[in-house]
């Protein structure tokens, strides 16, 4: 790895398995925007649409559930787009073009 200038370290990331009735199951990962290993990922898995801002929130802030946090926590906000199981709700050529441009589908 020294000769290739690639780090043996993977960038910080979180894996997701997302399911919803009427949509295809999606397995995705999001990479931490501030990670120093983004440009040297040994498996070349980092793509621009998969880089997200992980923000640390202080204790005393309101949690997504509405409760007040008694300790700091990390917050990640990201919109996952699930492809429908039925091809009737979205034009196939449009989905392919969106996927190639963004790494995800947008459905009506």
N, C-alpha and C. Protein backbone atom coordinates (compact mmCIF):
# COMPACT_ATOMS: atom_id res chain seq x y z
N UNK A 1 0.81 -1.19 0.00
CA UNK A 1 0.00 0.00 0.00
C UNK A 1 0.86 1.26 0.00
N UNK A 2 2.08 1.16 0.49
CA UNK A 2 2.96 2.33 0.49
C UNK A 2 3.25 2.81 -0.92
N UNK A 3 3.40 1.89 -1.84
CA UNK A 3 3.70 2.26 -3.23
C UNK A 3 2.52 2.93 -3.93
N UNK A 4 1.33 2.60 -3.53
CA UNK A 4 0.14 3.16 -4.19
C UNK A 4 -0.36 4.43 -3.53
N UNK A 5 0.21 4.81 -2.40
CA UNK A 5 -0.22 5.99 -1.65
C UNK A 5 -1.69 5.88 -1.21
N UNK A 6 -2.12 4.64 -0.96
CA UNK A 6 -3.48 4.38 -0.46
C UNK A 6 -3.36 3.93 0.99
N UNK A 7 -4.19 4.51 1.82
CA UNK A 7 -4.17 4.18 3.24
C UNK A 7 -4.86 2.83 3.46
N UNK A 8 -4.38 2.04 4.42
CA UNK A 8 -5.09 0.80 4.74
C UNK A 8 -6.34 1.07 5.58
N UNK A 9 -6.53 2.32 5.98
CA UNK A 9 -7.68 2.69 6.80
C UNK A 9 -8.89 3.02 5.92
N UNK A 10 -10.06 2.56 6.32
CA UNK A 10 -11.31 2.92 5.64
C UNK A 10 -11.81 4.25 6.21
N UNK A 11 -12.46 5.06 5.39
CA UNK A 11 -13.07 6.28 5.91
C UNK A 11 -14.21 5.94 6.88
N UNK A 12 -14.45 6.82 7.84
CA UNK A 12 -15.56 6.63 8.78
C UNK A 12 -16.86 6.56 8.00
N UNK A 13 -17.67 5.53 8.30
CA UNK A 13 -18.95 5.39 7.61
C UNK A 13 -19.93 4.58 8.43
N UNK A 14 -21.21 4.71 8.07
CA UNK A 14 -22.30 4.00 8.73
C UNK A 14 -23.08 3.26 7.65
N UNK A 15 -23.46 2.01 7.93
CA UNK A 15 -24.26 1.21 6.99
C UNK A 15 -25.74 1.30 7.36
N UNK A 16 -26.59 1.26 6.34
CA UNK A 16 -28.04 1.31 6.53
C UNK A 16 -28.70 0.21 5.71
N UNK A 17 -29.73 -0.41 6.26
CA UNK A 17 -30.60 -1.32 5.55
C UNK A 17 -31.99 -0.73 5.68
N UNK A 18 -32.58 -0.33 4.55
CA UNK A 18 -33.84 0.41 4.57
C UNK A 18 -34.90 -0.38 3.81
N UNK A 19 -36.05 -0.58 4.45
CA UNK A 19 -37.16 -1.30 3.84
C UNK A 19 -38.44 -0.50 4.02
N UNK A 20 -39.29 -0.55 3.02
CA UNK A 20 -40.62 0.06 3.11
C UNK A 20 -41.54 -0.67 2.15
N UNK A 21 -42.80 -0.91 2.54
CA UNK A 21 -43.74 -1.58 1.65
C UNK A 21 -43.89 -0.83 0.33
N UNK A 22 -43.85 -1.57 -0.78
CA UNK A 22 -44.01 -0.97 -2.10
C UNK A 22 -42.71 -0.47 -2.71
N UNK A 23 -41.59 -0.62 -1.99
CA UNK A 23 -40.30 -0.15 -2.49
C UNK A 23 -39.26 -1.24 -2.35
N UNK A 24 -38.23 -1.16 -3.17
CA UNK A 24 -37.14 -2.12 -3.09
C UNK A 24 -36.29 -1.86 -1.85
N UNK A 25 -35.77 -2.91 -1.29
CA UNK A 25 -34.86 -2.80 -0.16
C UNK A 25 -33.57 -2.13 -0.63
N UNK A 26 -33.03 -1.22 0.18
CA UNK A 26 -31.80 -0.53 -0.15
C UNK A 26 -30.78 -0.73 0.96
N UNK A 27 -29.59 -1.11 0.57
CA UNK A 27 -28.46 -1.17 1.50
C UNK A 27 -27.52 -0.05 1.07
N UNK A 28 -27.20 0.83 2.00
CA UNK A 28 -26.37 1.98 1.66
C UNK A 28 -25.38 2.25 2.78
N UNK A 29 -24.41 3.08 2.47
CA UNK A 29 -23.46 3.53 3.49
C UNK A 29 -23.25 5.02 3.26
N UNK A 30 -23.05 5.75 4.36
CA UNK A 30 -22.74 7.16 4.27
C UNK A 30 -21.40 7.41 4.94
N UNK A 31 -20.60 8.23 4.32
CA UNK A 31 -19.27 8.53 4.81
C UNK A 31 -19.24 9.88 5.50
N UNK A 32 -18.47 9.98 6.57
CA UNK A 32 -18.34 11.21 7.34
C UNK A 32 -17.53 12.24 6.56
N UNK A 33 -18.14 13.40 6.29
CA UNK A 33 -17.55 14.43 5.45
C UNK A 33 -16.16 14.86 5.93
N UNK A 34 -15.94 14.92 7.22
CA UNK A 34 -14.68 15.42 7.75
C UNK A 34 -13.58 14.35 7.89
N UNK A 35 -13.83 13.14 7.43
CA UNK A 35 -12.85 12.06 7.59
C UNK A 35 -11.63 12.26 6.68
N UNK A 36 -10.42 12.15 7.21
CA UNK A 36 -9.21 12.36 6.40
C UNK A 36 -8.93 11.24 5.39
N UNK A 37 -9.64 10.12 5.47
CA UNK A 37 -9.38 8.99 4.58
C UNK A 37 -10.32 8.93 3.37
N UNK A 38 -11.14 9.94 3.15
CA UNK A 38 -12.10 9.91 2.04
C UNK A 38 -11.42 9.73 0.68
N UNK A 39 -10.32 10.38 0.47
CA UNK A 39 -9.66 10.35 -0.85
C UNK A 39 -8.74 9.15 -1.04
N UNK A 40 -8.54 8.37 0.01
CA UNK A 40 -7.62 7.22 -0.10
C UNK A 40 -8.29 5.91 0.30
N UNK A 41 -9.60 5.80 0.08
CA UNK A 41 -10.34 4.59 0.47
C UNK A 41 -9.81 3.39 -0.29
N UNK A 42 -9.39 2.39 0.45
CA UNK A 42 -8.77 1.20 -0.13
C UNK A 42 -9.72 0.41 -1.03
N UNK A 43 -11.03 0.52 -0.82
CA UNK A 43 -11.98 -0.21 -1.67
C UNK A 43 -12.71 0.72 -2.63
N UNK A 44 -12.31 1.96 -2.71
CA UNK A 44 -12.87 2.94 -3.65
C UNK A 44 -14.40 3.04 -3.55
N UNK A 45 -14.93 2.99 -2.33
CA UNK A 45 -16.38 3.03 -2.14
C UNK A 45 -16.95 4.42 -1.96
N UNK A 46 -16.10 5.42 -1.82
CA UNK A 46 -16.58 6.78 -1.56
C UNK A 46 -17.04 7.44 -2.86
N UNK A 47 -18.29 7.89 -2.88
CA UNK A 47 -18.86 8.63 -3.99
C UNK A 47 -19.46 9.91 -3.41
N UNK A 48 -19.40 11.01 -4.14
CA UNK A 48 -19.86 12.31 -3.63
C UNK A 48 -21.26 12.27 -3.01
N UNK A 49 -22.26 11.61 -3.63
CA UNK A 49 -23.60 11.61 -3.02
C UNK A 49 -23.66 10.84 -1.70
N UNK A 50 -22.61 10.07 -1.38
CA UNK A 50 -22.61 9.28 -0.14
C UNK A 50 -21.84 9.95 0.99
N UNK A 51 -21.35 11.15 0.76
CA UNK A 51 -20.63 11.89 1.80
C UNK A 51 -21.62 12.81 2.50
N UNK A 52 -21.67 12.72 3.83
CA UNK A 52 -22.66 13.48 4.59
C UNK A 52 -22.02 14.12 5.82
N UNK A 53 -22.67 15.15 6.30
CA UNK A 53 -22.21 15.88 7.47
C UNK A 53 -22.75 15.22 8.73
N UNK A 54 -21.87 14.71 9.56
CA UNK A 54 -22.24 14.16 10.86
C UNK A 54 -21.98 15.31 11.85
N UNK A 55 -23.01 15.74 12.55
CA UNK A 55 -22.88 16.91 13.43
C UNK A 55 -23.05 16.50 14.88
N UNK A 56 -22.08 16.88 15.73
CA UNK A 56 -22.21 16.58 17.15
C UNK A 56 -23.05 17.67 17.81
N UNK A 57 -24.05 17.21 18.58
CA UNK A 57 -24.98 18.12 19.24
C UNK A 57 -24.73 18.02 20.75
N UNK A 58 -24.71 19.17 21.40
CA UNK A 58 -24.42 19.22 22.84
C UNK A 58 -25.57 18.69 23.69
N UNK A 59 -25.22 18.27 24.90
CA UNK A 59 -26.23 17.87 25.89
C UNK A 59 -27.16 19.06 26.13
N UNK A 60 -28.41 18.77 26.39
CA UNK A 60 -29.40 19.82 26.61
C UNK A 60 -30.21 20.15 25.36
N UNK A 61 -29.74 19.67 24.21
CA UNK A 61 -30.47 19.90 22.96
C UNK A 61 -31.66 18.93 22.88
N UNK A 62 -32.60 19.29 22.04
CA UNK A 62 -33.77 18.43 21.85
C UNK A 62 -33.43 17.29 20.89
N UNK A 63 -33.75 16.07 21.28
CA UNK A 63 -33.56 14.89 20.44
C UNK A 63 -34.63 14.84 19.35
N UNK A 64 -34.41 14.07 18.29
CA UNK A 64 -35.47 13.91 17.27
C UNK A 64 -36.79 13.39 17.85
N UNK A 65 -36.73 12.69 18.98
CA UNK A 65 -37.95 12.18 19.62
C UNK A 65 -38.70 13.25 20.40
N UNK A 66 -38.04 14.41 20.61
CA UNK A 66 -38.66 15.48 21.38
C UNK A 66 -38.12 15.59 22.80
N UNK A 67 -37.48 14.52 23.29
CA UNK A 67 -36.89 14.55 24.63
C UNK A 67 -35.64 15.44 24.64
N UNK A 68 -35.21 15.81 25.83
CA UNK A 68 -33.99 16.60 25.99
C UNK A 68 -32.82 15.65 26.25
N UNK A 69 -31.73 15.82 25.50
CA UNK A 69 -30.55 14.95 25.62
C UNK A 69 -29.80 15.24 26.91
N UNK A 70 -29.45 14.20 27.65
CA UNK A 70 -28.65 14.39 28.86
C UNK A 70 -27.15 14.21 28.59
N UNK A 71 -26.81 13.94 27.33
CA UNK A 71 -25.41 13.82 26.93
C UNK A 71 -25.28 14.21 25.46
N UNK A 72 -24.07 14.55 25.00
CA UNK A 72 -23.90 14.89 23.58
C UNK A 72 -24.26 13.70 22.69
N UNK A 73 -24.69 13.99 21.46
CA UNK A 73 -25.00 12.92 20.50
C UNK A 73 -24.67 13.39 19.10
N UNK A 74 -24.57 12.44 18.17
CA UNK A 74 -24.29 12.74 16.77
C UNK A 74 -25.60 12.77 16.00
N UNK A 75 -25.72 13.73 15.09
CA UNK A 75 -26.92 13.87 14.28
C UNK A 75 -26.54 13.80 12.81
N UNK A 76 -27.24 12.99 12.07
CA UNK A 76 -27.04 12.86 10.63
C UNK A 76 -28.39 13.03 9.97
N UNK A 77 -28.49 13.97 9.04
CA UNK A 77 -29.73 14.17 8.29
C UNK A 77 -29.43 13.88 6.83
N UNK A 78 -30.18 12.95 6.25
CA UNK A 78 -29.95 12.51 4.88
C UNK A 78 -31.25 11.95 4.33
N UNK A 79 -31.57 12.25 3.09
CA UNK A 79 -32.76 11.70 2.45
C UNK A 79 -32.39 10.50 1.61
N UNK A 80 -32.90 9.35 1.98
CA UNK A 80 -32.71 8.14 1.18
C UNK A 80 -33.88 8.05 0.21
N UNK A 81 -33.59 7.75 -1.03
CA UNK A 81 -34.62 7.61 -2.06
C UNK A 81 -34.73 6.14 -2.42
N UNK A 82 -35.91 5.55 -2.19
CA UNK A 82 -36.12 4.13 -2.45
C UNK A 82 -36.78 3.95 -3.81
N UNK A 83 -36.28 3.04 -4.63
CA UNK A 83 -36.94 2.77 -5.91
C UNK A 83 -38.21 1.94 -5.68
N UNK A 84 -39.28 2.25 -6.41
CA UNK A 84 -40.52 1.49 -6.23
C UNK A 84 -40.37 0.07 -6.77
N UNK A 85 -41.15 -0.84 -6.22
CA UNK A 85 -41.13 -2.21 -6.73
C UNK A 85 -41.84 -2.30 -8.07
N UNK A 86 -42.79 -1.40 -8.32
CA UNK A 86 -43.52 -1.38 -9.58
C UNK A 86 -42.90 -0.37 -10.52
N UNK A 87 -42.72 -0.75 -11.76
CA UNK A 87 -42.14 0.15 -12.76
C UNK A 87 -43.16 1.14 -13.29
N UNK A 88 -44.41 1.00 -12.92
CA UNK A 88 -45.45 1.87 -13.46
C UNK A 88 -45.41 3.27 -12.85
N UNK A 89 -44.80 3.43 -11.69
CA UNK A 89 -44.83 4.73 -11.03
C UNK A 89 -43.70 5.66 -11.44
N UNK A 90 -42.77 5.19 -12.27
CA UNK A 90 -41.65 6.04 -12.65
C UNK A 90 -41.06 5.52 -13.95
N UNK A 91 -40.72 6.40 -14.86
CA UNK A 91 -40.15 6.04 -16.14
C UNK A 91 -38.77 5.39 -15.94
N UNK A 92 -38.55 4.20 -16.52
CA UNK A 92 -37.30 3.46 -16.33
C UNK A 92 -36.08 4.22 -16.83
N UNK A 93 -36.17 4.88 -17.95
CA UNK A 93 -35.02 5.64 -18.48
C UNK A 93 -34.68 6.79 -17.55
N UNK A 94 -35.69 7.43 -17.02
CA UNK A 94 -35.47 8.54 -16.08
C UNK A 94 -34.79 8.03 -14.81
N UNK A 95 -35.24 6.88 -14.29
CA UNK A 95 -34.62 6.31 -13.08
C UNK A 95 -33.16 5.99 -13.32
N UNK A 96 -32.85 5.40 -14.48
CA UNK A 96 -31.47 5.04 -14.79
C UNK A 96 -30.60 6.30 -14.86
N UNK A 97 -31.10 7.33 -15.50
CA UNK A 97 -30.35 8.58 -15.63
C UNK A 97 -30.11 9.21 -14.25
N UNK A 98 -31.13 9.21 -13.40
CA UNK A 98 -30.98 9.76 -12.05
C UNK A 98 -29.99 8.95 -11.23
N UNK A 99 -30.04 7.63 -11.35
CA UNK A 99 -29.13 6.80 -10.58
C UNK A 99 -27.69 7.04 -11.00
N UNK A 100 -27.45 7.13 -12.30
CA UNK A 100 -26.08 7.35 -12.78
C UNK A 100 -25.55 8.71 -12.34
N UNK A 101 -26.42 9.70 -12.26
CA UNK A 101 -25.99 11.06 -11.87
C UNK A 101 -25.82 11.19 -10.35
N UNK A 102 -26.69 10.55 -9.58
CA UNK A 102 -26.72 10.81 -8.14
C UNK A 102 -26.42 9.60 -7.25
N UNK A 103 -26.41 8.41 -7.81
CA UNK A 103 -26.23 7.23 -6.97
C UNK A 103 -27.51 6.82 -6.28
N UNK A 104 -28.66 7.43 -6.65
CA UNK A 104 -29.94 7.06 -6.07
C UNK A 104 -31.06 7.42 -7.04
N UNK A 105 -32.25 6.92 -6.76
CA UNK A 105 -33.42 7.23 -7.58
C UNK A 105 -34.27 8.26 -6.85
N UNK A 106 -34.97 9.06 -7.63
CA UNK A 106 -36.01 9.94 -7.06
C UNK A 106 -37.32 9.51 -7.70
N UNK A 107 -38.30 9.25 -6.87
CA UNK A 107 -39.60 8.80 -7.39
C UNK A 107 -40.66 9.82 -7.06
N UNK A 108 -41.70 9.90 -7.88
CA UNK A 108 -42.78 10.87 -7.62
C UNK A 108 -43.51 10.55 -6.34
